[in-house]
Amino acid sequence: MPATLDTFKKDYAKAWAAYEQLRDACDQAGPLDGKTRELIKIGISVALEHGGGLVAHISQAKKAGAQPPEIYQAILLATGLAGFPVVLGAMATAKKYLKP
């Protein structure tokens, strides 16, 4: 996905810049810290079944200081919305990216 994203950024620089501006404005619109925002984005990625987003936000959550149990709970919280099979798949993905 990074190569695809890099190509998108190059080919659609204005659209990417607008997306970044919107994303940053949303991130700064309230009191949530970076770790909390990333954990929420993990749950959203799970519920929407966005595997690429899940991986990206696991990485960002780790950078923001989230520990594996917090990441796993963020995934688990999606069970009621996304269903058990989706959450099991997300847990498997998380385990790949949270290996010590």
PDB file of N, CA and C in Angstrom:
ATOM      1  N   MET A   1       0.798  -1.203   0.000  1.00  0.00           N
ATOM      2  CA  MET A   1       0.000   0.000   0.000  1.00  0.00           C
ATOM      3  C   MET A   1       0.845   1.274   0.000  1.00  0.00           C
ATOM      4  N   PRO A   2       1.987   1.327   0.680  1.00  0.00           N
ATOM      5  CA  PRO A   2       2.759   2.570   0.653  1.00  0.00           C
ATOM      6  C   PRO A   2       3.088   3.033  -0.760  1.00  0.00           C
ATOM      7  N   ALA A   3       3.422   2.114  -1.677  1.00  0.00           N
ATOM      8  CA  ALA A   3       3.722   2.527  -3.053  1.00  0.00           C
ATOM      9  C   ALA A   3       2.484   3.128  -3.707  1.00  0.00           C
ATOM     10  N   THR A   4       1.338   2.531  -3.468  1.00  0.00           N
ATOM     11  CA  THR A   4       0.092   3.061  -4.009  1.00  0.00           C
ATOM     12  C   THR A   4      -0.187   4.449  -3.442  1.00  0.00           C
ATOM     13  N   LEU A   5       0.031   4.599  -2.156  1.00  0.00           N
ATOM     14  CA  LEU A   5      -0.183   5.897  -1.516  1.00  0.00           C
ATOM     15  C   LEU A   5       0.792   6.932  -2.056  1.00  0.00           C
ATOM     16  N   ASP A   6       2.043   6.545  -2.216  1.00  0.00           N
ATOM     17  CA  ASP A   6       3.031   7.476  -2.769  1.00  0.00           C
ATOM     18  C   ASP A   6       2.643   7.925  -4.174  1.00  0.00           C
ATOM     19  N   THR A   7       2.154   7.000  -4.977  1.00  0.00           N
ATOM     20  CA  THR A   7       1.712   7.338  -6.330  1.00  0.00           C
ATOM     21  C   THR A   7       0.525   8.296  -6.281  1.00  0.00           C
ATOM     22  N   PHE A   8      -0.425   8.011  -5.398  1.00  0.00           N
ATOM     23  CA  PHE A   8      -1.591   8.884  -5.250  1.00  0.00           C
ATOM     24  C   PHE A   8      -1.161  10.291  -4.861  1.00  0.00           C
ATOM     25  N   LYS A   9      -0.259  10.385  -3.889  1.00  0.00           N
ATOM     26  CA  LYS A   9       0.216  11.699  -3.431  1.00  0.00           C
ATOM     27  C   LYS A   9       0.841  12.485  -4.576  1.00  0.00           C
ATOM     28  N   LYS A  10       1.581  11.788  -5.427  1.00  0.00           N
ATOM     29  CA  LYS A  10       2.234  12.450  -6.558  1.00  0.00           C
ATOM     30  C   LYS A  10       1.222  12.847  -7.624  1.00  0.00           C
ATOM     31  N   ASP A  11       0.350  11.918  -7.982  1.00  0.00           N
ATOM     32  CA  ASP A  11      -0.597  12.157  -9.074  1.00  0.00           C
ATOM     33  C   ASP A  11      -1.718  13.117  -8.694  1.00  0.00           C
ATOM     34  N   TYR A  12      -2.074  13.143  -7.412  1.00  0.00           N
ATOM     35  CA  TYR A  12      -3.199  13.967  -6.959  1.00  0.00           C
ATOM     36  C   TYR A  12      -2.786  14.805  -5.754  1.00  0.00           C
ATOM     37  N   ALA A  13      -1.740  15.578  -5.937  1.00  0.00           N
ATOM     38  CA  ALA A  13      -1.150  16.340  -4.834  1.00  0.00           C
ATOM     39  C   ALA A  13      -2.155  17.279  -4.165  1.00  0.00           C
ATOM     40  N   LYS A  14      -2.982  17.937  -4.935  1.00  0.00           N
ATOM     41  CA  LYS A  14      -3.962  18.866  -4.342  1.00  0.00           C
ATOM     42  C   LYS A  14      -5.007  18.113  -3.533  1.00  0.00           C
ATOM     43  N   ALA A  15      -5.467  16.991  -4.051  1.00  0.00           N
ATOM     44  CA  ALA A  15      -6.465  16.192  -3.323  1.00  0.00           C
ATOM     45  C   ALA A  15      -5.849  15.656  -2.027  1.00  0.00           C
ATOM     46  N   TRP A  16      -4.590  15.198  -2.087  1.00  0.00           N
ATOM     47  CA  TRP A  16      -3.922  14.701  -0.891  1.00  0.00           C
ATOM     48  C   TRP A  16      -3.760  15.812   0.136  1.00  0.00           C
ATOM     49  N   ALA A  17      -3.363  16.987  -0.309  1.00  0.00           N
ATOM     50  CA  ALA A  17      -3.184  18.119   0.606  1.00  0.00           C
ATOM     51  C   ALA A  17      -4.515  18.485   1.276  1.00  0.00           C
ATOM     52  N   ALA A  18      -5.588  18.454   0.507  1.00  0.00           N
ATOM     53  CA  ALA A  18      -6.910  18.762   1.069  1.00  0.00           C
ATOM     54  C   ALA A  18      -7.317  17.702   2.092  1.00  0.00           C
ATOM     55  N   TYR A  19      -7.047  16.431   1.786  1.00  0.00           N
ATOM     56  CA  TYR A  19      -7.348  15.357   2.719  1.00  0.00           C
ATOM     57  C   TYR A  19      -6.567  15.544   4.023  1.00  0.00           C
ATOM     58  N   GLU A  20      -5.268  15.835   3.900  1.00  0.00           N
ATOM     59  CA  GLU A  20      -4.445  16.030   5.101  1.00  0.00           C
ATOM     60  C   GLU A  20      -4.959  17.187   5.945  1.00  0.00           C
ATOM     61  N   GLN A  21      -5.380  18.251   5.283  1.00  0.00           N
ATOM     62  CA  GLN A  21      -5.891  19.413   6.006  1.00  0.00           C
ATOM     63  C   GLN A  21      -7.171  19.043   6.764  1.00  0.00           C
ATOM     64  N   LEU A  22      -8.088  18.310   6.111  1.00  0.00           N
ATOM     65  CA  LEU A  22      -9.322  17.890   6.771  1.00  0.00           C
ATOM     66  C   LEU A  22      -9.019  16.945   7.929  1.00  0.00           C
ATOM     67  N   ARG A  23      -8.152  15.960   7.679  1.00  0.00           N
ATOM     68  CA  ARG A  23      -7.789  14.995   8.726  1.00  0.00           C
ATOM     69  C   ARG A  23      -7.194  15.713   9.928  1.00  0.00           C
ATOM     70  N   ASP A  24      -6.277  16.629   9.681  1.00  0.00           N
ATOM     71  CA  ASP A  24      -5.627  17.351  10.773  1.00  0.00           C
ATOM     72  C   ASP A  24      -6.614  18.230  11.530  1.00  0.00           C
ATOM     73  N   ALA A  25      -7.539  18.853  10.804  1.00  0.00           N
ATOM     74  CA  ALA A  25      -8.551  19.687  11.459  1.00  0.00           C
ATOM     75  C   ALA A  25      -9.442  18.836  12.364  1.00  0.00           C
ATOM     76  N   CYS A  26      -9.815  17.659  11.890  1.00  0.00           N
ATOM     77  CA  CYS A  26     -10.634  16.759  12.710  1.00  0.00           C
ATOM     78  C   CYS A  26      -9.856  16.288  13.932  1.00  0.00           C
ATOM     79  N   ASP A  27      -8.582  15.965  13.745  1.00  0.00           N
ATOM     80  CA  ASP A  27      -7.754  15.508  14.866  1.00  0.00           C
ATOM     81  C   ASP A  27      -7.632  16.581  15.940  1.00  0.00           C
ATOM     82  N   GLN A  28      -7.590  17.833  15.549  1.00  0.00           N
ATOM     83  CA  GLN A  28      -7.377  18.928  16.499  1.00  0.00           C
ATOM     84  C   GLN A  28      -8.668  19.587  16.981  1.00  0.00           C
ATOM     85  N   ALA A  29      -9.829  19.060  16.571  1.00  0.00           N
ATOM     86  CA  ALA A  29     -11.107  19.704  16.875  1.00  0.00           C
ATOM     87  C   ALA A  29     -11.604  19.463  18.299  1.00  0.00           C
ATOM     88  N   GLY A  30     -10.904  18.693  19.078  1.00  0.00           N
ATOM     89  CA  GLY A  30     -11.381  18.403  20.430  1.00  0.00           C
ATOM     90  C   GLY A  30     -10.246  18.014  21.352  1.00  0.00           C
ATOM     91  N   PRO A  31     -10.606  17.524  22.533  1.00  0.00           N
ATOM     92  CA  PRO A  31      -9.610  17.290  23.572  1.00  0.00           C
ATOM     93  C   PRO A  31      -8.902  15.931  23.525  1.00  0.00           C
ATOM     94  N   LEU A  32      -9.260  15.048  22.613  1.00  0.00           N
ATOM     95  CA  LEU A  32      -8.655  13.721  22.616  1.00  0.00           C
ATOM     96  C   LEU A  32      -7.177  13.777  22.251  1.00  0.00           C
ATOM     97  N   ASP A  33      -6.382  13.000  22.986  1.00  0.00           N
ATOM     98  CA  ASP A  33      -4.961  12.942  22.664  1.00  0.00           C
ATOM     99  C   ASP A  33      -4.724  12.000  21.487  1.00  0.00           C
ATOM    100  N   GLY A  34      -3.503  12.019  20.972  1.00  0.00           N
ATOM    101  CA  GLY A  34      -3.175  11.244  19.782  1.00  0.00           C
ATOM    102  C   GLY A  34      -3.401   9.752  19.941  1.00  0.00           C
ATOM    103  N   LYS A  35      -3.024   9.200  21.094  1.00  0.00           N
ATOM    104  CA  LYS A  35      -3.208   7.774  21.323  1.00  0.00           C
ATOM    105  C   LYS A  35      -4.685   7.406  21.299  1.00  0.00           C
ATOM    106  N   THR A  36      -5.498   8.176  21.976  1.00  0.00           N
ATOM    107  CA  THR A  36      -6.941   7.905  22.013  1.00  0.00           C
ATOM    108  C   THR A  36      -7.538   8.005  20.620  1.00  0.00           C
ATOM    109  N   ARG A  37      -7.141   9.024  19.863  1.00  0.00           N
ATOM    110  CA  ARG A  37      -7.652   9.176  18.493  1.00  0.00           C
ATOM    111  C   ARG A  37      -7.297   7.962  17.650  1.00  0.00           C
ATOM    112  N   GLU A  38      -6.066   7.485  17.775  1.00  0.00           N
ATOM    113  CA  GLU A  38      -5.651   6.330  16.966  1.00  0.00           C
ATOM    114  C   GLU A  38      -6.392   5.066  17.378  1.00  0.00           C
ATOM    115  N   LEU A  39      -6.646   4.885  18.670  1.00  0.00           N
ATOM    116  CA  LEU A  39      -7.417   3.727  19.111  1.00  0.00           C
ATOM    117  C   LEU A  39      -8.839   3.772  18.557  1.00  0.00           C
ATOM    118  N   ILE A  40      -9.429   4.946  18.518  1.00  0.00           N
ATOM    119  CA  ILE A  40     -10.756   5.094  17.932  1.00  0.00           C
ATOM    120  C   ILE A  40     -10.706   4.760  16.441  1.00  0.00           C
ATOM    121  N   LYS A  41      -9.677   5.245  15.764  1.00  0.00           N
ATOM    122  CA  LYS A  41      -9.541   4.976  14.329  1.00  0.00           C
ATOM    123  C   LYS A  41      -9.327   3.487  14.055  1.00  0.00           C
ATOM    124  N   ILE A  42      -8.689   2.775  14.990  1.00  0.00           N
ATOM    125  CA  ILE A  42      -8.577   1.322  14.860  1.00  0.00           C
ATOM    126  C   ILE A  42      -9.968   0.701  14.887  1.00  0.00           C
ATOM    127  N   GLY A  43     -10.770   1.081  15.853  1.00  0.00           N
ATOM    128  CA  GLY A  43     -12.133   0.544  15.942  1.00  0.00           C
ATOM    129  C   GLY A  43     -12.958   0.848  14.703  1.00  0.00           C
ATOM    130  N   ILE A  44     -12.824   2.049  14.182  1.00  0.00           N
ATOM    131  CA  ILE A  44     -13.544   2.425  12.961  1.00  0.00           C
ATOM    132  C   ILE A  44     -13.060   1.577  11.787  1.00  0.00           C
ATOM    133  N   SER A  45     -11.759   1.391  11.683  1.00  0.00           N
ATOM    134  CA  SER A  45     -11.209   0.580  10.589  1.00  0.00           C
ATOM    135  C   SER A  45     -11.724  -0.851  10.660  1.00  0.00           C
ATOM    136  N   VAL A  46     -11.811  -1.388  11.866  1.00  0.00           N
ATOM    137  CA  VAL A  46     -12.343  -2.739  12.030  1.00  0.00           C
ATOM    138  C   VAL A  46     -13.791  -2.789  11.582  1.00  0.00           C
ATOM    139  N   ALA A  47     -14.611  -1.873  12.093  1.00  0.00           N
ATOM    140  CA  ALA A  47     -16.039  -1.892  11.786  1.00  0.00           C
ATOM    141  C   ALA A  47     -16.310  -1.730  10.296  1.00  0.00           C
ATOM    142  N   LEU A  48     -15.469  -0.949   9.615  1.00  0.00           N
ATOM    143  CA  LEU A  48     -15.651  -0.730   8.179  1.00  0.00           C
ATOM    144  C   LEU A  48     -14.903  -1.755   7.330  1.00  0.00           C
ATOM    145  N   GLU A  49     -14.189  -2.659   8.010  1.00  0.00           N
ATOM    146  CA  GLU A  49     -13.413  -3.700   7.336  1.00  0.00           C
ATOM    147  C   GLU A  49     -12.369  -3.111   6.382  1.00  0.00           C
ATOM    148  N   HIS A  50     -11.688  -2.069   6.841  1.00  0.00           N
ATOM    149  CA  HIS A  50     -10.619  -1.428   6.079  1.00  0.00           C
ATOM    150  C   HIS A  50      -9.275  -1.936   6.587  1.00  0.00           C
ATOM    151  N   GLY A  51      -8.803  -3.015   5.973  1.00  0.00           N
ATOM    152  CA  GLY A  51      -7.565  -3.641   6.415  1.00  0.00           C
ATOM    153  C   GLY A  51      -6.367  -2.712   6.361  1.00  0.00           C
ATOM    154  N   GLY A  52      -6.259  -1.933   5.287  1.00  0.00           N
ATOM    155  CA  GLY A  52      -5.144  -0.999   5.175  1.00  0.00           C
ATOM    156  C   GLY A  52      -5.190   0.058   6.259  1.00  0.00           C
ATOM    157  N   GLY A  53      -6.378   0.552   6.540  1.00  0.00           N
ATOM    158  CA  GLY A  53      -6.533   1.531   7.613  1.00  0.00           C
ATOM    159  C   GLY A  53      -6.203   0.930   8.964  1.00  0.00           C
ATOM    160  N   LEU A  54      -6.596  -0.316   9.170  1.00  0.00           N
ATOM    161  CA  LEU A  54      -6.293  -0.995  10.429  1.00  0.00           C
ATOM    162  C   LEU A  54      -4.788  -1.059  10.654  1.00  0.00           C
ATOM    163  N   VAL A  55      -4.067  -1.496   9.641  1.00  0.00           N
ATOM    164  CA  VAL A  55      -2.613  -1.603   9.754  1.00  0.00           C
ATOM    165  C   VAL A  55      -1.989  -0.226   9.994  1.00  0.00           C
ATOM    166  N   ALA A  56      -2.436   0.767   9.236  1.00  0.00           N
ATOM    167  CA  ALA A  56      -1.885   2.117   9.390  1.00  0.00           C
ATOM    168  C   ALA A  56      -2.135   2.666  10.786  1.00  0.00           C
ATOM    169  N   HIS A  57      -3.350   2.459  11.304  1.00  0.00           N
ATOM    170  CA  HIS A  57      -3.666   3.036  12.611  1.00  0.00           C
ATOM    171  C   HIS A  57      -3.067   2.226  13.758  1.00  0.00           C
ATOM    172  N   ILE A  58      -2.830   0.929  13.563  1.00  0.00           N
ATOM    173  CA  ILE A  58      -2.068   0.176  14.566  1.00  0.00           C
ATOM    174  C   ILE A  58      -0.673   0.778  14.667  1.00  0.00           C
ATOM    175  N   SER A  59      -0.060   1.040  13.527  1.00  0.00           N
ATOM    176  CA  SER A  59       1.274   1.642  13.520  1.00  0.00           C
ATOM    177  C   SER A  59       1.270   3.009  14.193  1.00  0.00           C
ATOM    178  N   GLN A  60       0.295   3.834  13.851  1.00  0.00           N
ATOM    179  CA  GLN A  60       0.220   5.175  14.442  1.00  0.00           C
ATOM    180  C   GLN A  60      -0.083   5.110  15.945  1.00  0.00           C
ATOM    181  N   ALA A  61      -0.922   4.160  16.348  1.00  0.00           N
ATOM    182  CA  ALA A  61      -1.235   4.011  17.774  1.00  0.00           C
ATOM    183  C   ALA A  61       0.014   3.615  18.551  1.00  0.00           C
ATOM    184  N   LYS A  62       0.813   2.694  18.002  1.00  0.00           N
ATOM    185  CA  LYS A  62       2.060   2.306  18.655  1.00  0.00           C
ATOM    186  C   LYS A  62       2.978   3.516  18.798  1.00  0.00           C
ATOM    187  N   LYS A  63       3.092   4.324  17.733  1.00  0.00           N
ATOM    188  CA  LYS A  63       3.932   5.524  17.800  1.00  0.00           C
ATOM    189  C   LYS A  63       3.424   6.510  18.843  1.00  0.00           C
ATOM    190  N   ALA A  64       2.097   6.519  19.055  1.00  0.00           N
ATOM    191  CA  ALA A  64       1.499   7.435  20.031  1.00  0.00           C
ATOM    192  C   ALA A  64       1.541   6.876  21.450  1.00  0.00           C
ATOM    193  N   GLY A  65       2.116   5.679  21.615  1.00  0.00           N
ATOM    194  CA  GLY A  65       2.282   5.125  22.951  1.00  0.00           C
ATOM    195  C   GLY A  65       1.293   4.051  23.352  1.00  0.00           C
ATOM    196  N   ALA A  66       0.424   3.615  22.446  1.00  0.00           N
ATOM    197  CA  ALA A  66      -0.538   2.565  22.783  1.00  0.00           C
ATOM    198  C   ALA A  66       0.184   1.232  22.960  1.00  0.00           C
ATOM    199  N   GLN A  67      -0.227   0.509  23.955  1.00  0.00           N
ATOM    200  CA  GLN A  67       0.305  -0.823  24.225  1.00  0.00           C
ATOM    201  C   GLN A  67      -0.586  -1.874  23.568  1.00  0.00           C
ATOM    202  N   PRO A  68      -0.043  -3.045  23.266  1.00  0.00           N
ATOM    203  CA  PRO A  68      -0.851  -4.077  22.614  1.00  0.00           C
ATOM    204  C   PRO A  68      -2.209  -4.355  23.278  1.00  0.00           C
ATOM    205  N   PRO A  69      -2.299  -4.453  24.613  1.00  0.00           N
ATOM    206  CA  PRO A  69      -3.626  -4.703  25.186  1.00  0.00           C
ATOM    207  C   PRO A  69      -4.648  -3.610  24.854  1.00  0.00           C
ATOM    208  N   GLU A  70      -4.194  -2.370  24.746  1.00  0.00           N
ATOM    209  CA  GLU A  70      -5.105  -1.280  24.379  1.00  0.00           C
ATOM    210  C   GLU A  70      -5.567  -1.432  22.932  1.00  0.00           C
ATOM    211  N   ILE A  71      -4.652  -1.815  22.076  1.00  0.00           N
ATOM    212  CA  ILE A  71      -4.989  -2.005  20.661  1.00  0.00           C
ATOM    213  C   ILE A  71      -5.966  -3.168  20.509  1.00  0.00           C
ATOM    214  N   TYR A  72      -5.697  -4.267  21.221  1.00  0.00           N
ATOM    215  CA  TYR A  72      -6.606  -5.407  21.148  1.00  0.00           C
ATOM    216  C   TYR A  72      -7.994  -5.050  21.678  1.00  0.00           C
ATOM    217  N   GLN A  73      -8.062  -4.243  22.732  1.00  0.00           N
ATOM    218  CA  GLN A  73      -9.372  -3.844  23.243  1.00  0.00           C
ATOM    219  C   GLN A  73     -10.108  -2.968  22.237  1.00  0.00           C
ATOM    220  N   ALA A  74      -9.383  -2.071  21.571  1.00  0.00           N
ATOM    221  CA  ALA A  74     -10.018  -1.225  20.551  1.00  0.00           C
ATOM    222  C   ALA A  74     -10.632  -2.088  19.460  1.00  0.00           C
ATOM    223  N   ILE A  75      -9.954  -3.159  19.106  1.00  0.00           N
ATOM    224  CA  ILE A  75     -10.498  -4.083  18.105  1.00  0.00           C
ATOM    225  C   ILE A  75     -11.701  -4.819  18.687  1.00  0.00           C
ATOM    226  N   LEU A  76     -11.572  -5.331  19.885  1.00  0.00           N
ATOM    227  CA  LEU A  76     -12.643  -6.082  20.531  1.00  0.00           C
ATOM    228  C   LEU A  76     -13.929  -5.266  20.658  1.00  0.00           C
ATOM    229  N   LEU A  77     -13.781  -3.972  20.914  1.00  0.00           N
ATOM    230  CA  LEU A  77     -14.959  -3.116  21.074  1.00  0.00           C
ATOM    231  C   LEU A  77     -15.811  -3.032  19.810  1.00  0.00           C
ATOM    232  N   ALA A  78     -15.250  -3.390  18.670  1.00  0.00           N
ATOM    233  CA  ALA A  78     -16.003  -3.363  17.414  1.00  0.00           C
ATOM    234  C   ALA A  78     -16.908  -4.579  17.247  1.00  0.00           C
ATOM    235  N   THR A  79     -16.847  -5.540  18.155  1.00  0.00           N
ATOM    236  CA  THR A  79     -17.600  -6.783  17.999  1.00  0.00           C
ATOM    237  C   THR A  79     -19.089  -6.540  17.797  1.00  0.00           C
ATOM    238  N   GLY A  80     -19.676  -5.688  18.611  1.00  0.00           N
ATOM    239  CA  GLY A  80     -21.115  -5.437  18.512  1.00  0.00           C
ATOM    240  C   GLY A  80     -21.531  -4.797  17.210  1.00  0.00           C
ATOM    241  N   LEU A  81     -20.651  -4.006  16.616  1.00  0.00           N
ATOM    242  CA  LEU A  81     -20.965  -3.323  15.361  1.00  0.00           C
ATOM    243  C   LEU A  81     -20.557  -4.118  14.132  1.00  0.00           C
ATOM    244  N   ALA A  82     -19.396  -4.754  14.209  1.00  0.00           N
ATOM    245  CA  ALA A  82     -18.829  -5.403  13.027  1.00  0.00           C
ATOM    246  C   ALA A  82     -19.101  -6.900  12.978  1.00  0.00           C
ATOM    247  N   GLY A  83     -19.307  -7.506  14.130  1.00  0.00           N
ATOM    248  CA  GLY A  83     -19.527  -8.940  14.191  1.00  0.00           C
ATOM    249  C   GLY A  83     -18.259  -9.693  14.558  1.00  0.00           C
ATOM    250  N   PHE A  84     -18.474 -10.878  15.107  1.00  0.00           N
ATOM    251  CA  PHE A  84     -17.371 -11.682  15.612  1.00  0.00           C
ATOM    252  C   PHE A  84     -16.375 -12.090  14.535  1.00  0.00           C
ATOM    253  N   PRO A  85     -16.822 -12.555  13.358  1.00  0.00           N
ATOM    254  CA  PRO A  85     -15.842 -12.960  12.339  1.00  0.00           C
ATOM    255  C   PRO A  85     -14.933 -11.817  11.893  1.00  0.00           C
ATOM    256  N   VAL A  86     -15.473 -10.624  11.770  1.00  0.00           N
ATOM    257  CA  VAL A  86     -14.669  -9.456  11.370  1.00  0.00           C
ATOM    258  C   VAL A  86     -13.633  -9.149  12.437  1.00  0.00           C
ATOM    259  N   VAL A  87     -14.039  -9.208  13.683  1.00  0.00           N
ATOM    260  CA  VAL A  87     -13.122  -8.928  14.779  1.00  0.00           C
ATOM    261  C   VAL A  87     -12.028  -9.995  14.857  1.00  0.00           C
ATOM    262  N   LEU A  88     -12.375 -11.257  14.633  1.00  0.00           N
ATOM    263  CA  LEU A  88     -11.352 -12.307  14.622  1.00  0.00           C
ATOM    264  C   LEU A  88     -10.303 -12.037  13.545  1.00  0.00           C
ATOM    265  N   GLY A  89     -10.755 -11.623  12.358  1.00  0.00           N
ATOM    266  CA  GLY A  89      -9.815 -11.290  11.291  1.00  0.00           C
ATOM    267  C   GLY A  89      -8.930 -10.118  11.659  1.00  0.00           C
ATOM    268  N   ALA A  90      -9.518  -9.110  12.295  1.00  0.00           N
ATOM    269  CA  ALA A  90      -8.744  -7.939  12.709  1.00  0.00           C
ATOM    270  C   ALA A  90      -7.737  -8.310  13.789  1.00  0.00           C
ATOM    271  N   MET A  91      -8.129  -9.203  14.689  1.00  0.00           N
ATOM    272  CA  MET A  91      -7.190  -9.652  15.725  1.00  0.00           C
ATOM    273  C   MET A  91      -5.996 -10.364  15.085  1.00  0.00           C
ATOM    274  N   ALA A  92      -6.259 -11.187  14.085  1.00  0.00           N
ATOM    275  CA  ALA A  92      -5.169 -11.895  13.401  1.00  0.00           C
ATOM    276  C   ALA A  92      -4.230 -10.893  12.732  1.00  0.00           C
ATOM    277  N   THR A  93      -4.806  -9.875  12.107  1.00  0.00           N
ATOM    278  CA  THR A  93      -3.977  -8.837  11.471  1.00  0.00           C
ATOM    279  C   THR A  93      -3.136  -8.126  12.527  1.00  0.00           C
ATOM    280  N   ALA A  94      -3.768  -7.757  13.631  1.00  0.00           N
ATOM    281  CA  ALA A  94      -3.050  -7.043  14.700  1.00  0.00           C
ATOM    282  C   ALA A  94      -1.893  -7.884  15.248  1.00  0.00           C
ATOM    283  N   LYS A  95      -2.124  -9.163  15.424  1.00  0.00           N
ATOM    284  CA  LYS A  95      -1.072 -10.030  15.970  1.00  0.00           C
ATOM    285  C   LYS A  95       0.164 -10.028  15.065  1.00  0.00           C
ATOM    286  N   LYS A  96      -0.055  -9.930  13.751  1.00  0.00           N
ATOM    287  CA  LYS A  96       1.087  -9.876  12.816  1.00  0.00           C
ATOM    288  C   LYS A  96       1.916  -8.617  13.027  1.00  0.00           C
ATOM    289  N   TYR A  97       1.248  -7.502  13.357  1.00  0.00           N
ATOM    290  CA  TYR A  97       1.939  -6.219  13.456  1.00  0.00           C
ATOM    291  C   TYR A  97       2.344  -5.874  14.882  1.00  0.00           C
ATOM    292  N   LEU A  98       1.949  -6.685  15.840  1.00  0.00           N
ATOM    293  CA  LEU A  98       2.302  -6.411  17.223  1.00  0.00           C
ATOM    294  C   LEU A  98       3.293  -7.421  17.776  1.00  0.00           C
ATOM    295  N   LYS A  99       3.865  -8.233  16.911  1.00  0.00           N
ATOM    296  CA  LYS A  99       4.871  -9.189  17.370  1.00  0.00           C
ATOM    297  C   LYS A  99       6.049  -8.428  17.954  1.00  0.00           C
ATOM    298  N   PRO A 100       6.587  -8.955  19.064  1.00  0.00           N
ATOM    299  CA  PRO A 100       7.723  -8.266  19.700  1.00  0.00           C
ATOM    300  C   PRO A 100       8.968  -8.234  18.821  1.00  0.00           C
TER     301      PRO A 100
END
